[in-house]
Amino acid sequence: MADPPVLLACGIFAREVEGLESALRERFEPVFLDSMMHMKPARLDAALRDQIARAAGRPIVALFGDCCPLMQDLFPGAARRRTPGENCIEIALGKERYRELRRRSSFFLMPEWAQRWEEVFDRELGLREPGLAREFMQSAMRELVYIDTGSIPLPKGALALAAERFGLPLRIESPGVARIAEAIRAVLDDRSDD
């Protein structure tokens, strides 16, 4: 029996993938990359290339947005395909809802980043000074939107701290994992619209 395809996924989706129905999970072997690589696209590109080489000719389904240069070249179709979506938020919410919230100048937090938001802003973006972080966020964003996939209990404390630090209202969107599951299933079944 042939090995199942590798699901090469951003770590931002790790809990969501682990929570998928077993019939779908059995169709692939997951490999997760640290979501902080998103902050350094060249490092992400190198890690993706390394994982593609390690897959040794096995089919690969990539659960990633367009997170590094040449992403399309890494997953050209056939044996290496990527789920459709500009980023993880679009994959989780769907194109229309994502675009609607972007037009409202929303800043998004997936469950994994909601728990690491201080690391993202303090270390990765260098916005350790709360006033600077608040000014930065308020200059471009009107609200924080937490994408509740149901993969973890609602991180009320972390979300309240983020909303307070940035001085922005908080909205909860609850799409569950249905769109993520459908994106994976579509590529496995060769039904994605690249």
Protein backbone atom coordinates (compact mmCIF):
# COMPACT_ATOMS: atom_id res chain seq x y z
CA MET A 1 0.00 0.00 0.00
CA ALA A 2 1.37 3.42 -0.96
CA ASP A 3 2.14 5.99 1.71
CA PRO A 4 -0.55 8.64 2.09
CA PRO A 5 0.13 12.17 0.88
CA VAL A 6 2.02 14.51 3.17
CA LEU A 7 -0.03 17.40 4.50
CA LEU A 8 2.58 20.12 4.81
CA ALA A 9 0.92 22.73 6.99
CA CYS A 10 1.57 25.93 8.85
CA GLY A 11 1.67 25.27 12.59
CA ILE A 12 -1.12 27.82 12.95
CA PHE A 13 -3.42 24.98 11.82
CA ALA A 14 -1.96 22.18 13.98
CA ARG A 15 -4.82 21.95 16.49
CA GLU A 16 -7.42 22.35 13.77
CA VAL A 17 -5.92 19.49 11.72
CA GLU A 18 -5.63 17.29 14.81
CA GLY A 19 -9.33 17.91 15.48
CA LEU A 20 -10.56 16.92 12.02
CA GLU A 21 -12.76 13.87 11.65
CA SER A 22 -10.71 10.67 11.63
CA ALA A 23 -11.87 9.64 8.14
CA LEU A 24 -10.19 12.75 6.74
CA ARG A 25 -7.10 12.64 8.99
CA GLU A 26 -6.39 9.09 7.88
CA ARG A 27 -5.98 10.30 4.29
CA PHE A 28 -2.70 12.17 4.94
CA GLU A 29 0.39 12.36 7.12
CA PRO A 30 0.69 15.83 8.70
CA VAL A 31 3.94 17.78 8.98
CA PHE A 32 3.73 21.19 10.65
CA LEU A 33 6.12 24.13 10.35
CA ASP A 34 6.39 26.79 13.05
CA SER A 35 3.95 29.60 12.28
CA MET A 36 6.58 32.19 13.22
CA MET A 37 8.36 31.36 9.96
CA HIS A 38 5.63 33.50 8.40
CA MET A 39 7.56 36.48 9.78
CA LYS A 40 10.67 35.52 7.79
CA PRO A 41 9.55 34.46 4.31
CA ALA A 42 13.02 33.37 3.14
CA ARG A 43 13.31 31.02 6.12
CA LEU A 44 9.84 29.64 5.38
CA ASP A 45 10.79 29.11 1.73
CA ALA A 46 13.89 27.13 2.78
CA ALA A 47 11.91 25.03 5.25
CA LEU A 48 9.24 24.25 2.65
CA ARG A 49 11.88 23.22 0.12
CA ASP A 50 13.50 20.98 2.74
CA GLN A 51 10.18 19.29 3.54
CA ILE A 52 9.42 18.80 -0.15
CA ALA A 53 12.79 17.07 -0.55
CA ARG A 54 12.12 14.90 2.53
CA ALA A 55 8.79 13.77 1.09
CA ALA A 56 10.82 11.78 -1.44
CA GLY A 57 8.34 11.87 -4.30
CA ARG A 58 5.20 11.41 -2.21
CA PRO A 59 2.23 13.61 -3.07
CA ILE A 60 2.11 16.80 -1.00
CA VAL A 61 -0.87 18.90 0.00
CA ALA A 62 0.20 22.29 1.37
CA LEU A 63 -2.10 23.96 3.89
CA PHE A 64 -0.58 27.43 3.56
CA GLY A 65 -1.56 30.82 2.29
CA ASP A 66 0.66 32.73 -0.08
CA CYS A 67 3.19 33.24 2.72
CA CYS A 68 6.51 33.43 0.91
CA PRO A 69 7.83 34.46 -2.49
CA LEU A 70 7.50 31.81 -5.17
CA MET A 71 4.91 29.84 -3.17
CA GLN A 72 3.11 29.06 -6.43
CA ASP A 73 6.35 27.63 -7.86
CA LEU A 74 6.75 25.29 -4.87
CA PHE A 75 3.29 23.77 -5.40
CA PRO A 76 2.73 23.69 -9.15
CA GLY A 77 -0.10 21.14 -9.19
CA ALA A 78 -0.39 17.40 -9.76
CA ALA A 79 1.78 15.78 -7.07
CA ARG A 80 2.33 19.04 -5.16
CA ARG A 81 -0.78 21.12 -4.58
CA ARG A 82 -1.73 23.94 -2.25
CA THR A 83 -5.10 24.72 -0.75
CA PRO A 84 -6.62 27.87 -2.23
CA GLY A 85 -6.44 30.99 -0.10
CA GLU A 86 -4.39 34.15 0.18
CA ASN A 87 -3.62 33.41 3.85
CA CYS A 88 -4.71 31.31 6.81
CA ILE A 89 -7.59 33.63 7.61
CA GLU A 90 -9.07 33.32 4.13
CA ILE A 91 -8.67 29.54 4.33
CA ALA A 92 -10.54 29.47 7.66
CA LEU A 93 -13.25 32.06 6.87
CA GLY A 94 -13.72 31.79 3.12
CA LYS A 95 -12.88 34.45 0.58
CA GLU A 96 -16.00 36.60 0.89
CA ARG A 97 -16.09 36.88 4.69
CA TYR A 98 -12.32 37.46 4.80
CA ARG A 99 -12.54 40.29 2.28
CA GLU A 100 -15.51 41.83 4.06
CA LEU A 101 -13.58 41.96 7.34
CA ARG A 102 -10.43 43.25 5.63
CA ARG A 103 -12.46 46.14 4.19
CA ARG A 104 -13.42 46.93 7.80
CA SER A 105 -9.69 47.12 8.69
CA SER A 106 -9.72 44.07 10.94
CA PHE A 107 -6.61 42.54 12.46
CA PHE A 108 -6.94 38.78 12.77
CA LEU A 109 -5.81 36.32 15.42
CA MET A 110 -6.05 32.59 14.87
CA PRO A 111 -6.10 30.46 18.07
CA GLU A 112 -2.39 29.69 17.92
CA TRP A 113 -1.37 33.34 17.48
CA ALA A 114 -3.90 34.56 20.04
CA GLN A 115 -1.84 32.70 22.61
CA ARG A 116 1.42 34.08 21.18
CA TRP A 117 0.39 37.63 20.27
CA GLU A 118 2.91 39.18 22.67
CA GLU A 119 5.71 37.16 21.06
CA VAL A 120 4.55 38.30 17.62
CA PHE A 121 4.47 41.98 18.52
CA ASP A 122 7.32 42.16 21.03
CA ARG A 123 9.91 39.93 19.42
CA GLU A 124 8.94 39.55 15.79
CA LEU A 125 7.70 43.08 15.09
CA GLY A 126 9.84 44.85 17.70
CA LEU A 127 6.83 46.65 19.21
CA ARG A 128 7.70 46.03 22.87
CA GLU A 129 6.64 49.50 24.02
CA PRO A 130 2.87 49.34 24.58
CA GLY A 131 2.27 52.91 23.39
CA LEU A 132 4.10 52.25 20.14
CA ALA A 133 2.17 49.01 19.56
CA ARG A 134 -1.12 50.81 20.24
CA GLU A 135 -0.25 53.65 17.89
CA PHE A 136 0.86 51.22 15.18
CA MET A 137 -2.33 49.15 15.41
CA GLN A 138 -4.73 52.08 15.66
CA SER A 139 -3.15 53.77 12.65
CA ALA A 140 -4.22 50.92 10.38
CA MET A 141 -6.78 48.75 12.19
CA ARG A 142 -10.25 49.31 13.60
CA GLU A 143 -10.82 46.03 15.40
CA LEU A 144 -9.31 42.73 16.49
CA VAL A 145 -11.03 39.64 15.12
CA TYR A 146 -10.45 36.30 16.80
CA ILE A 147 -11.05 33.32 14.52
CA ASP A 148 -12.63 30.74 16.83
CA THR A 149 -12.12 27.42 15.12
CA GLY A 150 -13.25 25.53 18.22
CA SER A 151 -9.79 23.94 18.50
CA ILE A 152 -9.13 25.43 21.95
CA PRO A 153 -11.29 27.01 24.63
CA LEU A 154 -11.79 30.70 23.97
CA PRO A 155 -8.59 32.39 25.31
CA LYS A 156 -10.54 35.18 27.02
CA GLY A 157 -7.62 36.46 29.09
CA ALA A 158 -5.16 36.69 26.19
CA LEU A 159 -7.75 38.33 23.96
CA ALA A 160 -8.73 40.87 26.62
CA LEU A 161 -5.07 41.79 27.13
CA ALA A 162 -4.53 42.22 23.39
CA ALA A 163 -7.65 44.37 23.00
CA GLU A 164 -6.60 46.51 25.96
CA ARG A 165 -3.01 46.91 24.77
CA PHE A 166 -4.07 47.94 21.28
CA GLY A 167 -7.12 49.94 22.33
CA LEU A 168 -9.28 48.14 19.78
CA PRO A 169 -12.65 46.43 20.10
CA LEU A 170 -12.70 42.65 19.87
CA ARG A 171 -14.96 40.63 17.58
CA ILE A 172 -15.28 36.83 17.64
CA GLU A 173 -15.85 34.97 14.37
CA SER A 174 -16.70 31.28 14.82
CA PRO A 175 -16.23 29.40 11.55
CA GLY A 176 -15.18 26.12 13.16
CA VAL A 177 -12.99 23.90 10.97
CA ALA A 178 -15.43 23.20 8.15
CA ARG A 179 -13.70 25.39 5.54
CA ILE A 180 -10.27 24.10 6.53
CA ALA A 181 -11.49 20.52 6.18
CA GLU A 182 -13.11 21.27 2.82
CA ALA A 183 -9.94 22.93 1.51
CA ILE A 184 -7.89 19.86 2.40
CA ARG A 185 -10.51 17.46 1.07
CA ALA A 186 -10.80 19.38 -2.22
CA VAL A 187 -7.06 19.15 -2.88
CA LEU A 188 -6.90 15.49 -1.86
CA ASP A 189 -9.79 14.81 -4.23
CA ASP A 190 -8.19 17.04 -6.88
CA ARG A 191 -11.11 19.48 -6.79
CA SER A 192 -9.33 22.72 -5.80
CA ASP A 193 -9.72 25.78 -7.97
CA ASP A 194 -6.07 26.86 -8.33
